[in-house]
Amino acid sequence: PMSAREFVEGFDVEHFRKWVRRSAAAG
């Protein structure tokens, strides 16, 4: 469990981009 504020604090744009590319490739 995490709060919305903790979600923002753990949010990293570069990790975000890499995850999107992997996920998009997997459908």
mmCIF file of all heavy atoms, coordinates in Angstrom:
data_MODEL
# 
_entry.id   MODEL 
# 
loop_
_atom_site.group_PDB 
_atom_site.id 
_atom_site.type_symbol 
_atom_site.label_atom_id 
_atom_site.label_alt_id 
_atom_site.label_comp_id 
_atom_site.label_asym_id 
_atom_site.label_entity_id 
_atom_site.label_seq_id 
_atom_site.pdbx_PDB_ins_code 
_atom_site.Cartn_x 
_atom_site.Cartn_y 
_atom_site.Cartn_z 
_atom_site.occupancy 
_atom_site.B_iso_or_equiv 
_atom_site.pdbx_formal_charge 
_atom_site.auth_seq_id 
_atom_site.auth_comp_id 
_atom_site.auth_asym_id 
_atom_site.auth_atom_id 
_atom_site.pdbx_PDB_model_num 
ATOM 1   N N   . PRO A 1 1  ? 0.823  -1.220 0.000   1.00 0.00 ? 1  PRO A N   1 
ATOM 2   C CA  . PRO A 1 1  ? 0.000  0.000  0.000   1.00 0.00 ? 1  PRO A CA  1 
ATOM 3   C C   . PRO A 1 1  ? 0.849  1.258  0.000   1.00 0.00 ? 1  PRO A C   1 
ATOM 4   O O   . PRO A 1 1  ? 1.917  1.328  0.622   1.00 0.00 ? 1  PRO A O   1 
ATOM 5   C CB  . PRO A 1 1  ? -0.806 -0.116 1.298   1.00 0.00 ? 1  PRO A CB  1 
ATOM 6   C CG  . PRO A 1 1  ? -0.861 -1.583 1.581   1.00 0.00 ? 1  PRO A CG  1 
ATOM 7   C CD  . PRO A 1 1  ? 0.462  -2.119 1.122   1.00 0.00 ? 1  PRO A CD  1 
ATOM 8   N N   . MET A 1 2  ? 0.377  2.274  -0.730  1.00 0.00 ? 2  MET A N   1 
ATOM 9   C CA  . MET A 1 2  ? 1.040  3.573  -0.718  1.00 0.00 ? 2  MET A CA  1 
ATOM 10  C C   . MET A 1 2  ? 0.000  4.652  -1.001  1.00 0.00 ? 2  MET A C   1 
ATOM 11  O O   . MET A 1 2  ? -1.031 4.398  -1.637  1.00 0.00 ? 2  MET A O   1 
ATOM 12  C CB  . MET A 1 2  ? 2.171  3.645  -1.745  1.00 0.00 ? 2  MET A CB  1 
ATOM 13  C CG  . MET A 1 2  ? 1.741  3.553  -3.192  1.00 0.00 ? 2  MET A CG  1 
ATOM 14  S SD  . MET A 1 2  ? 3.072  3.992  -4.370  1.00 0.00 ? 2  MET A SD  1 
ATOM 15  C CE  . MET A 1 2  ? 4.302  2.754  -4.009  1.00 0.00 ? 2  MET A CE  1 
ATOM 16  N N   . SER A 1 3  ? 0.271  5.847  -0.524  1.00 0.00 ? 3  SER A N   1 
ATOM 17  C CA  . SER A 1 3  ? -0.627 6.975  -0.756  1.00 0.00 ? 3  SER A CA  1 
ATOM 18  C C   . SER A 1 3  ? -0.328 7.603  -2.110  1.00 0.00 ? 3  SER A C   1 
ATOM 19  O O   . SER A 1 3  ? 0.711  7.319  -2.739  1.00 0.00 ? 3  SER A O   1 
ATOM 20  C CB  . SER A 1 3  ? -0.443 8.023  0.338   1.00 0.00 ? 3  SER A CB  1 
ATOM 21  O OG  . SER A 1 3  ? 0.852  8.610  0.248   1.00 0.00 ? 3  SER A OG  1 
ATOM 22  N N   . ALA A 1 4  ? -1.225 8.484  -2.552  1.00 0.00 ? 4  ALA A N   1 
ATOM 23  C CA  . ALA A 1 4  ? -0.990 9.194  -3.803  1.00 0.00 ? 4  ALA A CA  1 
ATOM 24  C C   . ALA A 1 4  ? 0.272  10.033 -3.720  1.00 0.00 ? 4  ALA A C   1 
ATOM 25  O O   . ALA A 1 4  ? 1.057  10.107 -4.674  1.00 0.00 ? 4  ALA A O   1 
ATOM 26  C CB  . ALA A 1 4  ? -2.200 10.069 -4.128  1.00 0.00 ? 4  ALA A CB  1 
ATOM 27  N N   . ARG A 1 5  ? 0.505  10.654 -2.564  1.00 0.00 ? 5  ARG A N   1 
ATOM 28  C CA  . ARG A 1 5  ? 1.705  11.463 -2.400  1.00 0.00 ? 5  ARG A CA  1 
ATOM 29  C C   . ARG A 1 5  ? 2.953  10.590 -2.468  1.00 0.00 ? 5  ARG A C   1 
ATOM 30  O O   . ARG A 1 5  ? 3.962  10.981 -3.094  1.00 0.00 ? 5  ARG A O   1 
ATOM 31  C CB  . ARG A 1 5  ? 1.648  12.192 -1.054  1.00 0.00 ? 5  ARG A CB  1 
ATOM 32  C CG  . ARG A 1 5  ? 2.793  13.143 -0.794  1.00 0.00 ? 5  ARG A CG  1 
ATOM 33  C CD  . ARG A 1 5  ? 2.972  14.151 -1.914  1.00 0.00 ? 5  ARG A CD  1 
ATOM 34  N NE  . ARG A 1 5  ? 1.746  14.858 -2.247  1.00 0.00 ? 5  ARG A NE  1 
ATOM 35  C CZ  . ARG A 1 5  ? 1.581  15.606 -3.314  1.00 0.00 ? 5  ARG A CZ  1 
ATOM 36  N NH1 . ARG A 1 5  ? 2.564  15.717 -4.189  1.00 0.00 ? 5  ARG A NH1 1 
ATOM 37  N NH2 . ARG A 1 5  ? 0.430  16.233 -3.547  1.00 0.00 ? 5  ARG A NH2 1 
ATOM 38  N N   . GLU A 1 6  ? 2.930  9.392  -1.882  1.00 0.00 ? 6  GLU A N   1 
ATOM 39  C CA  . GLU A 1 6  ? 4.068  8.477  -1.975  1.00 0.00 ? 6  GLU A CA  1 
ATOM 40  C C   . GLU A 1 6  ? 4.269  8.008  -3.418  1.00 0.00 ? 6  GLU A C   1 
ATOM 41  O O   . GLU A 1 6  ? 5.402  7.789  -3.851  1.00 0.00 ? 6  GLU A O   1 
ATOM 42  C CB  . GLU A 1 6  ? 3.848  7.286  -1.046  1.00 0.00 ? 6  GLU A CB  1 
ATOM 43  C CG  . GLU A 1 6  ? 3.953  7.644  0.435   1.00 0.00 ? 6  GLU A CG  1 
ATOM 44  C CD  . GLU A 1 6  ? 3.488  6.517  1.336   1.00 0.00 ? 6  GLU A CD  1 
ATOM 45  O OE1 . GLU A 1 6  ? 2.602  5.729  0.914   1.00 0.00 ? 6  GLU A OE1 1 
ATOM 46  O OE2 . GLU A 1 6  ? 4.007  6.428  2.471   1.00 0.00 ? 6  GLU A OE2 1 
ATOM 47  N N   . PHE A 1 7  ? 3.177  7.865  -4.146  1.00 0.00 ? 7  PHE A N   1 
ATOM 48  C CA  . PHE A 1 7  ? 3.265  7.471  -5.555  1.00 0.00 ? 7  PHE A CA  1 
ATOM 49  C C   . PHE A 1 7  ? 4.027  8.544  -6.342  1.00 0.00 ? 7  PHE A C   1 
ATOM 50  O O   . PHE A 1 7  ? 4.899  8.225  -7.157  1.00 0.00 ? 7  PHE A O   1 
ATOM 51  C CB  . PHE A 1 7  ? 1.859  7.285  -6.134  1.00 0.00 ? 7  PHE A CB  1 
ATOM 52  C CG  . PHE A 1 7  ? 1.818  6.671  -7.504  1.00 0.00 ? 7  PHE A CG  1 
ATOM 53  C CD1 . PHE A 1 7  ? 1.711  5.303  -7.673  1.00 0.00 ? 7  PHE A CD1 1 
ATOM 54  C CD2 . PHE A 1 7  ? 1.870  7.480  -8.639  1.00 0.00 ? 7  PHE A CD2 1 
ATOM 55  C CE1 . PHE A 1 7  ? 1.657  4.739  -8.950  1.00 0.00 ? 7  PHE A CE1 1 
ATOM 56  C CE2 . PHE A 1 7  ? 1.830  6.933  -9.917  1.00 0.00 ? 7  PHE A CE2 1 
ATOM 57  C CZ  . PHE A 1 7  ? 1.720  5.558  -10.065 1.00 0.00 ? 7  PHE A CZ  1 
ATOM 58  N N   . VAL A 1 8  ? 3.711  9.803  -6.081  1.00 0.00 ? 8  VAL A N   1 
ATOM 59  C CA  . VAL A 1 8  ? 4.419  10.894 -6.753  1.00 0.00 ? 8  VAL A CA  1 
ATOM 60  C C   . VAL A 1 8  ? 5.891  10.910 -6.350  1.00 0.00 ? 8  VAL A C   1 
ATOM 61  O O   . VAL A 1 8  ? 6.789  11.078 -7.187  1.00 0.00 ? 8  VAL A O   1 
ATOM 62  C CB  . VAL A 1 8  ? 3.766  12.256 -6.435  1.00 0.00 ? 8  VAL A CB  1 
ATOM 63  C CG1 . VAL A 1 8  ? 4.624  13.411 -6.969  1.00 0.00 ? 8  VAL A CG1 1 
ATOM 64  C CG2 . VAL A 1 8  ? 2.374  12.324 -7.032  1.00 0.00 ? 8  VAL A CG2 1 
ATOM 65  N N   . GLU A 1 9  ? 6.148  10.747 -5.071  1.00 0.00 ? 9  GLU A N   1 
ATOM 66  C CA  . GLU A 1 9  ? 7.533  10.778 -4.585  1.00 0.00 ? 9  GLU A CA  1 
ATOM 67  C C   . GLU A 1 9  ? 8.367  9.660  -5.192  1.00 0.00 ? 9  GLU A C   1 
ATOM 68  O O   . GLU A 1 9  ? 9.574  9.814  -5.398  1.00 0.00 ? 9  GLU A O   1 
ATOM 69  C CB  . GLU A 1 9  ? 7.546  10.683 -3.063  1.00 0.00 ? 9  GLU A CB  1 
ATOM 70  C CG  . GLU A 1 9  ? 6.991  11.934 -2.378  1.00 0.00 ? 9  GLU A CG  1 
ATOM 71  C CD  . GLU A 1 9  ? 6.813  11.758 -0.881  1.00 0.00 ? 9  GLU A CD  1 
ATOM 72  O OE1 . GLU A 1 9  ? 7.008  10.613 -0.391  1.00 0.00 ? 9  GLU A OE1 1 
ATOM 73  O OE2 . GLU A 1 9  ? 6.472  12.741 -0.199  1.00 0.00 ? 9  GLU A OE2 1 
ATOM 74  N N   . GLY A 1 10 ? 7.741  8.520  -5.487  1.00 0.00 ? 10 GLY A N   1 
ATOM 75  C CA  . GLY A 1 10 ? 8.465  7.403  -6.089  1.00 0.00 ? 10 GLY A CA  1 
ATOM 76  C C   . GLY A 1 10 ? 8.446  7.414  -7.602  1.00 0.00 ? 10 GLY A C   1 
ATOM 77  O O   . GLY A 1 10 ? 9.026  6.521  -8.246  1.00 0.00 ? 10 GLY A O   1 
ATOM 78  N N   . PHE A 1 11 ? 7.805  8.413  -8.200  1.00 0.00 ? 11 PHE A N   1 
ATOM 79  C CA  . PHE A 1 11 ? 7.654  8.480  -9.652  1.00 0.00 ? 11 PHE A CA  1 
ATOM 80  C C   . PHE A 1 11 ? 8.941  8.999  -10.298 1.00 0.00 ? 11 PHE A C   1 
ATOM 81  O O   . PHE A 1 11 ? 9.447  10.063 -9.921  1.00 0.00 ? 11 PHE A O   1 
ATOM 82  C CB  . PHE A 1 11 ? 6.487  9.396  -10.020 1.00 0.00 ? 11 PHE A CB  1 
ATOM 83  C CG  . PHE A 1 11 ? 6.115  9.370  -11.472 1.00 0.00 ? 11 PHE A CG  1 
ATOM 84  C CD1 . PHE A 1 11 ? 5.198  8.454  -11.953 1.00 0.00 ? 11 PHE A CD1 1 
ATOM 85  C CD2 . PHE A 1 11 ? 6.681  10.276 -12.361 1.00 0.00 ? 11 PHE A CD2 1 
ATOM 86  C CE1 . PHE A 1 11 ? 4.855  8.429  -13.300 1.00 0.00 ? 11 PHE A CE1 1 
ATOM 87  C CE2 . PHE A 1 11 ? 6.348  10.263 -13.700 1.00 0.00 ? 11 PHE A CE2 1 
ATOM 88  C CZ  . PHE A 1 11 ? 5.433  9.339  -14.169 1.00 0.00 ? 11 PHE A CZ  1 
ATOM 89  N N   . ASP A 1 12 ? 9.461  8.270  -11.251 1.00 0.00 ? 12 ASP A N   1 
ATOM 90  C CA  . ASP A 1 12 ? 10.677 8.661  -11.959 1.00 0.00 ? 12 ASP A CA  1 
ATOM 91  C C   . ASP A 1 12 ? 10.383 8.624  -13.461 1.00 0.00 ? 12 ASP A C   1 
ATOM 92  O O   . ASP A 1 12 ? 9.981  7.585  -14.001 1.00 0.00 ? 12 ASP A O   1 
ATOM 93  C CB  . ASP A 1 12 ? 11.826 7.707  -11.627 1.00 0.00 ? 12 ASP A CB  1 
ATOM 94  C CG  . ASP A 1 12 ? 13.094 8.050  -12.390 1.00 0.00 ? 12 ASP A CG  1 
ATOM 95  O OD1 . ASP A 1 12 ? 13.797 8.974  -11.971 1.00 0.00 ? 12 ASP A OD1 1 
ATOM 96  O OD2 . ASP A 1 12 ? 13.347 7.378  -13.416 1.00 0.00 ? 12 ASP A OD2 1 
ATOM 97  N N   . VAL A 1 13 ? 10.565 9.750  -14.131 1.00 0.00 ? 13 VAL A N   1 
ATOM 98  C CA  . VAL A 1 13 ? 10.169 9.847  -15.535 1.00 0.00 ? 13 VAL A CA  1 
ATOM 99  C C   . VAL A 1 13 ? 10.934 8.862  -16.416 1.00 0.00 ? 13 VAL A C   1 
ATOM 100 O O   . VAL A 1 13 ? 10.352 8.245  -17.319 1.00 0.00 ? 13 VAL A O   1 
ATOM 101 C CB  . VAL A 1 13 ? 10.362 11.290 -16.049 1.00 0.00 ? 13 VAL A CB  1 
ATOM 102 C CG1 . VAL A 1 13 ? 10.092 11.367 -17.546 1.00 0.00 ? 13 VAL A CG1 1 
ATOM 103 C CG2 . VAL A 1 13 ? 9.443  12.240 -15.299 1.00 0.00 ? 13 VAL A CG2 1 
ATOM 104 N N   . GLU A 1 14 ? 12.229 8.682  -16.180 1.00 0.00 ? 14 GLU A N   1 
ATOM 105 C CA  . GLU A 1 14 ? 12.994 7.758  -17.020 1.00 0.00 ? 14 GLU A CA  1 
ATOM 106 C C   . GLU A 1 14 ? 12.546 6.310  -16.820 1.00 0.00 ? 14 GLU A C   1 
ATOM 107 O O   . GLU A 1 14 ? 12.432 5.550  -17.777 1.00 0.00 ? 14 GLU A O   1 
ATOM 108 C CB  . GLU A 1 14 ? 14.485 7.909  -16.744 1.00 0.00 ? 14 GLU A CB  1 
ATOM 109 C CG  . GLU A 1 14 ? 15.081 9.172  -17.330 1.00 0.00 ? 14 GLU A CG  1 
ATOM 110 C CD  . GLU A 1 14 ? 14.723 9.360  -18.807 1.00 0.00 ? 14 GLU A CD  1 
ATOM 111 O OE1 . GLU A 1 14 ? 14.948 8.411  -19.591 1.00 0.00 ? 14 GLU A OE1 1 
ATOM 112 O OE2 . GLU A 1 14 ? 14.213 10.428 -19.171 1.00 0.00 ? 14 GLU A OE2 1 
ATOM 113 N N   . HIS A 1 15 ? 12.299 5.920  -15.573 1.00 0.00 ? 15 HIS A N   1 
ATOM 114 C CA  . HIS A 1 15 ? 11.739 4.589  -15.322 1.00 0.00 ? 15 HIS A CA  1 
ATOM 115 C C   . HIS A 1 15 ? 10.385 4.466  -16.001 1.00 0.00 ? 15 HIS A C   1 
ATOM 116 O O   . HIS A 1 15 ? 10.052 3.421  -16.584 1.00 0.00 ? 15 HIS A O   1 
ATOM 117 C CB  . HIS A 1 15 ? 11.607 4.348  -13.824 1.00 0.00 ? 15 HIS A CB  1 
ATOM 118 C CG  . HIS A 1 15 ? 10.847 3.094  -13.486 1.00 0.00 ? 15 HIS A CG  1 
ATOM 119 N ND1 . HIS A 1 15 ? 11.426 1.853  -13.465 1.00 0.00 ? 15 HIS A ND1 1 
ATOM 120 C CD2 . HIS A 1 15 ? 9.529  2.904  -13.185 1.00 0.00 ? 15 HIS A CD2 1 
ATOM 121 C CE1 . HIS A 1 15 ? 10.525 0.940  -13.176 1.00 0.00 ? 15 HIS A CE1 1 
ATOM 122 N NE2 . HIS A 1 15 ? 9.350  1.554  -12.995 1.00 0.00 ? 15 HIS A NE2 1 
ATOM 123 N N   . PHE A 1 16 ? 9.598  5.510  -15.905 1.00 0.00 ? 16 PHE A N   1 
ATOM 124 C CA  . PHE A 1 16 ? 8.271  5.555  -16.517 1.00 0.00 ? 16 PHE A CA  1 
ATOM 125 C C   . PHE A 1 16 ? 8.375  5.286  -18.019 1.00 0.00 ? 16 PHE A C   1 
ATOM 126 O O   . PHE A 1 16 ? 7.641  4.459  -18.576 1.00 0.00 ? 16 PHE A O   1 
ATOM 127 C CB  . PHE A 1 16 ? 7.675  6.935  -16.223 1.00 0.00 ? 16 PHE A CB  1 
ATOM 128 C CG  . PHE A 1 16 ? 6.355  7.227  -16.865 1.00 0.00 ? 16 PHE A CG  1 
ATOM 129 C CD1 . PHE A 1 16 ? 5.245  6.429  -16.650 1.00 0.00 ? 16 PHE A CD1 1 
ATOM 130 C CD2 . PHE A 1 16 ? 6.212  8.357  -17.674 1.00 0.00 ? 16 PHE A CD2 1 
ATOM 131 C CE1 . PHE A 1 16 ? 4.024  6.740  -17.229 1.00 0.00 ? 16 PHE A CE1 1 
ATOM 132 C CE2 . PHE A 1 16 ? 5.000  8.678  -18.246 1.00 0.00 ? 16 PHE A CE2 1 
ATOM 133 C CZ  . PHE A 1 16 ? 3.901  7.861  -18.023 1.00 0.00 ? 16 PHE A CZ  1 
ATOM 134 N N   . ARG A 1 17 ? 9.289  5.961  -18.710 1.00 0.00 ? 17 ARG A N   1 
ATOM 135 C CA  . ARG A 1 17 ? 9.458  5.765  -20.146 1.00 0.00 ? 17 ARG A CA  1 
ATOM 136 C C   . ARG A 1 17 ? 9.847  4.321  -20.476 1.00 0.00 ? 17 ARG A C   1 
ATOM 137 O O   . ARG A 1 17 ? 9.306  3.718  -21.408 1.00 0.00 ? 17 ARG A O   1 
ATOM 138 C CB  . ARG A 1 17 ? 10.538 6.712  -20.686 1.00 0.00 ? 17 ARG A CB  1 
ATOM 139 C CG  . ARG A 1 17 ? 10.207 8.193  -20.648 1.00 0.00 ? 17 ARG A CG  1 
ATOM 140 C CD  . ARG A 1 17 ? 11.398 8.987  -21.156 1.00 0.00 ? 17 ARG A CD  1 
ATOM 141 N NE  . ARG A 1 17 ? 11.260 10.407 -20.937 1.00 0.00 ? 17 ARG A NE  1 
ATOM 142 C CZ  . ARG A 1 17 ? 10.651 11.257 -21.759 1.00 0.00 ? 17 ARG A CZ  1 
ATOM 143 N NH1 . ARG A 1 17 ? 10.110 10.790 -22.862 1.00 0.00 ? 17 ARG A NH1 1 
ATOM 144 N NH2 . ARG A 1 17 ? 10.593 12.548 -21.480 1.00 0.00 ? 17 ARG A NH2 1 
ATOM 145 N N   . LYS A 1 18 ? 10.774 3.767  -19.710 1.00 0.00 ? 18 LYS A N   1 
ATOM 146 C CA  . LYS A 1 18 ? 11.224 2.400  -19.979 1.00 0.00 ? 18 LYS A CA  1 
ATOM 147 C C   . LYS A 1 18 ? 10.097 1.399  -19.767 1.00 0.00 ? 18 LYS A C   1 
ATOM 148 O O   . LYS A 1 18 ? 9.935  0.461  -20.546 1.00 0.00 ? 18 LYS A O   1 
ATOM 149 C CB  . LYS A 1 18 ? 12.416 2.069  -19.079 1.00 0.00 ? 18 LYS A CB  1 
ATOM 150 C CG  . LYS A 1 18 ? 13.676 2.864  -19.424 1.00 0.00 ? 18 LYS A CG  1 
ATOM 151 C CD  . LYS A 1 18 ? 14.797 2.571  -18.442 1.00 0.00 ? 18 LYS A CD  1 
ATOM 152 C CE  . LYS A 1 18 ? 16.033 3.405  -18.750 1.00 0.00 ? 18 LYS A CE  1 
ATOM 153 N NZ  . LYS A 1 18 ? 17.116 3.164  -17.760 1.00 0.00 ? 18 LYS A NZ  1 
ATOM 154 N N   . TRP A 1 19 ? 9.333  1.593  -18.688 1.00 0.00 ? 19 TRP A N   1 
ATOM 155 C CA  . TRP A 1 19 ? 8.201  0.691  -18.445 1.00 0.00 ? 19 TRP A CA  1 
ATOM 156 C C   . TRP A 1 19 ? 7.187  0.776  -19.577 1.00 0.00 ? 19 TRP A C   1 
ATOM 157 O O   . TRP A 1 19 ? 6.691  -0.252 -20.046 1.00 0.00 ? 19 TRP A O   1 
ATOM 158 C CB  . TRP A 1 19 ? 7.522  1.038  -17.114 1.00 0.00 ? 19 TRP A CB  1 
ATOM 159 C CG  . TRP A 1 19 ? 6.130  0.482  -17.065 1.00 0.00 ? 19 TRP A CG  1 
ATOM 160 C CD1 . TRP A 1 19 ? 5.761  -0.832 -17.005 1.00 0.00 ? 19 TRP A CD1 1 
ATOM 161 C CD2 . TRP A 1 19 ? 4.909  1.219  -17.150 1.00 0.00 ? 19 TRP A CD2 1 
ATOM 162 N NE1 . TRP A 1 19 ? 4.394  -0.963 -17.022 1.00 0.00 ? 19 TRP A NE1 1 
ATOM 163 C CE2 . TRP A 1 19 ? 3.855  0.286  -17.113 1.00 0.00 ? 19 TRP A CE2 1 
ATOM 164 C CE3 . TRP A 1 19 ? 4.606  2.585  -17.236 1.00 0.00 ? 19 TRP A CE3 1 
ATOM 165 C CZ2 . TRP A 1 19 ? 2.515  0.679  -17.174 1.00 0.00 ? 19 TRP A CZ2 1 
ATOM 166 C CZ3 . TRP A 1 19 ? 3.284  2.977  -17.292 1.00 0.00 ? 19 TRP A CZ3 1 
ATOM 167 C CH2 . TRP A 1 19 ? 2.260  2.029  -17.263 1.00 0.00 ? 19 TRP A CH2 1 
ATOM 168 N N   . VAL A 1 20 ? 6.876  1.984  -20.046 1.00 0.00 ? 20 VAL A N   1 
ATOM 169 C CA  . VAL A 1 20 ? 5.896  2.147  -21.120 1.00 0.00 ? 20 VAL A CA  1 
ATOM 170 C C   . VAL A 1 20 ? 6.354  1.405  -22.367 1.00 0.00 ? 20 VAL A C   1 
ATOM 171 O O   . VAL A 1 20 ? 5.557  0.716  -23.010 1.00 0.00 ? 20 VAL A O   1 
ATOM 172 C CB  . VAL A 1 20 ? 5.660  3.641  -21.428 1.00 0.00 ? 20 VAL A CB  1 
ATOM 173 C CG1 . VAL A 1 20 ? 4.893  3.808  -22.742 1.00 0.00 ? 20 VAL A CG1 1 
ATOM 174 C CG2 . VAL A 1 20 ? 4.890  4.307  -20.290 1.00 0.00 ? 20 VAL A CG2 1 
ATOM 175 N N   . ARG A 1 21 ? 7.622  1.522  -22.718 1.00 0.00 ? 21 ARG A N   1 
ATOM 176 C CA  . ARG A 1 21 ? 8.117  0.828  -23.913 1.00 0.00 ? 21 ARG A CA  1 
ATOM 177 C C   . ARG A 1 21 ? 7.984  -0.679 -23.769 1.00 0.00 ? 21 ARG A C   1 
ATOM 178 O O   . ARG A 1 21 ? 7.570  -1.379 -24.711 1.00 0.00 ? 21 ARG A O   1 
ATOM 179 C CB  . ARG A 1 21 ? 9.570  1.230  -24.190 1.00 0.00 ? 21 ARG A CB  1 
ATOM 180 C CG  . ARG A 1 21 ? 9.724  2.644  -24.737 1.00 0.00 ? 21 ARG A CG  1 
ATOM 181 C CD  . ARG A 1 21 ? 11.115 2.880  -25.301 1.00 0.00 ? 21 ARG A CD  1 
ATOM 182 N NE  . ARG A 1 21 ? 12.112 2.972  -24.242 1.00 0.00 ? 21 ARG A NE  1 
ATOM 183 C CZ  . ARG A 1 21 ? 12.473 4.104  -23.668 1.00 0.00 ? 21 ARG A CZ  1 
ATOM 184 N NH1 . ARG A 1 21 ? 11.908 5.238  -24.031 1.00 0.00 ? 21 ARG A NH1 1 
ATOM 185 N NH2 . ARG A 1 21 ? 13.408 4.121  -22.731 1.00 0.00 ? 21 ARG A NH2 1 
ATOM 186 N N   . ARG A 1 22 ? 8.318  -1.214 -22.593 1.00 0.00 ? 22 ARG A N   1 
ATOM 187 C CA  . ARG A 1 22 ? 8.186  -2.658 -22.380 1.00 0.00 ? 22 ARG A CA  1 
ATOM 188 C C   . ARG A 1 22 ? 6.724  -3.084 -22.435 1.00 0.00 ? 22 ARG A C   1 
ATOM 189 O O   . ARG A 1 22 ? 6.369  -4.088 -23.065 1.00 0.00 ? 22 ARG A O   1 
ATOM 190 C CB  . ARG A 1 22 ? 8.793  -3.050 -21.029 1.00 0.00 ? 22 ARG A CB  1 
ATOM 191 C CG  . ARG A 1 22 ? 10.309 -3.014 -20.984 1.00 0.00 ? 22 ARG A CG  1 
ATOM 192 C CD  . ARG A 1 22 ? 10.839 -3.697 -19.732 1.00 0.00 ? 22 ARG A CD  1 
ATOM 193 N NE  . ARG A 1 22 ? 10.448 -3.000 -18.512 1.00 0.00 ? 22 ARG A NE  1 
ATOM 194 C CZ  . ARG A 1 22 ? 11.179 -2.057 -17.924 1.00 0.00 ? 22 ARG A CZ  1 
ATOM 195 N NH1 . ARG A 1 22 ? 12.326 -1.674 -18.466 1.00 0.00 ? 22 ARG A NH1 1 
ATOM 196 N NH2 . ARG A 1 22 ? 10.769 -1.498 -16.799 1.00 0.00 ? 22 ARG A NH2 1 
ATOM 197 N N   . SER A 1 23 ? 5.878  -2.318 -21.774 1.00 0.00 ? 23 SER A N   1 
ATOM 198 C CA  . SER A 1 23 ? 4.471  -2.678 -21.709 1.00 0.00 ? 23 SER A CA  1 
ATOM 199 C C   . SER A 1 23 ? 3.793  -2.558 -23.073 1.00 0.00 ? 23 SER A C   1 
ATOM 200 O O   . SER A 1 23 ? 3.002  -3.418 -23.461 1.00 0.00 ? 23 SER A O   1 
ATOM 201 C CB  . SER A 1 23 ? 3.758  -1.779 -20.694 1.00 0.00 ? 23 SER A CB  1 
ATOM 202 O OG  . SER A 1 23 ? 2.392  -2.090 -20.632 1.00 0.00 ? 23 SER A OG  1 
ATOM 203 N N   . ALA A 1 24 ? 4.111  -1.489 -23.803 1.00 0.00 ? 24 ALA A N   1 
ATOM 204 C CA  . ALA A 1 24 ? 3.515  -1.309 -25.126 1.00 0.00 ? 24 ALA A CA  1 
ATOM 205 C C   . ALA A 1 24 ? 3.912  -2.449 -26.059 1.00 0.00 ? 24 ALA A C   1 
ATOM 206 O O   . ALA A 1 24 ? 3.099  -2.941 -26.844 1.00 0.00 ? 24 ALA A O   1 
ATOM 207 C CB  . ALA A 1 24 ? 3.930  0.036  -25.705 1.00 0.00 ? 24 ALA A CB  1 
ATOM 208 N N   . ALA A 1 25 ? 5.159  -2.896 -25.962 1.00 0.00 ? 25 ALA A N   1 
ATOM 209 C CA  . ALA A 1 25 ? 5.618  -4.002 -26.796 1.00 0.00 ? 25 ALA A CA  1 
ATOM 210 C C   . ALA A 1 25 ? 4.883  -5.293 -26.466 1.00 0.00 ? 25 ALA A C   1 
ATOM 211 O O   . ALA A 1 25 ? 4.672  -6.144 -27.340 1.00 0.00 ? 25 ALA A O   1 
ATOM 212 C CB  . ALA A 1 25 ? 7.123  -4.192 -26.629 1.00 0.00 ? 25 ALA A CB  1 
ATOM 213 N N   . ALA A 1 26 ? 4.469  -5.428 -25.193 1.00 0.00 ? 26 ALA A N   1 
ATOM 214 C CA  . ALA A 1 26 ? 3.760  -6.629 -24.755 1.00 0.00 ? 26 ALA A CA  1 
ATOM 215 C C   . ALA A 1 26 ? 2.250  -6.536 -24.979 1.00 0.00 ? 26 ALA A C   1 
ATOM 216 O O   . ALA A 1 26 ? 1.524  -7.491 -24.713 1.00 0.00 ? 26 ALA A O   1 
ATOM 217 C CB  . ALA A 1 26 ? 4.040  -6.886 -23.276 1.00 0.00 ? 26 ALA A CB  1 
ATOM 218 N N   . GLY A 1 27 ? 1.781  -5.384 -25.442 1.00 0.00 ? 27 GLY A N   1 
ATOM 219 C CA  . GLY A 1 27 ? 0.350  -5.225 -25.691 1.00 0.00 ? 27 GLY A CA  1 
ATOM 220 C C   . GLY A 1 27 ? -0.457 -4.802 -24.486 1.00 0.00 ? 27 GLY A C   1 
ATOM 221 O O   . GLY A 1 27 ? -1.684 -4.865 -24.511 1.00 0.00 ? 27 GLY A O   1 
# 
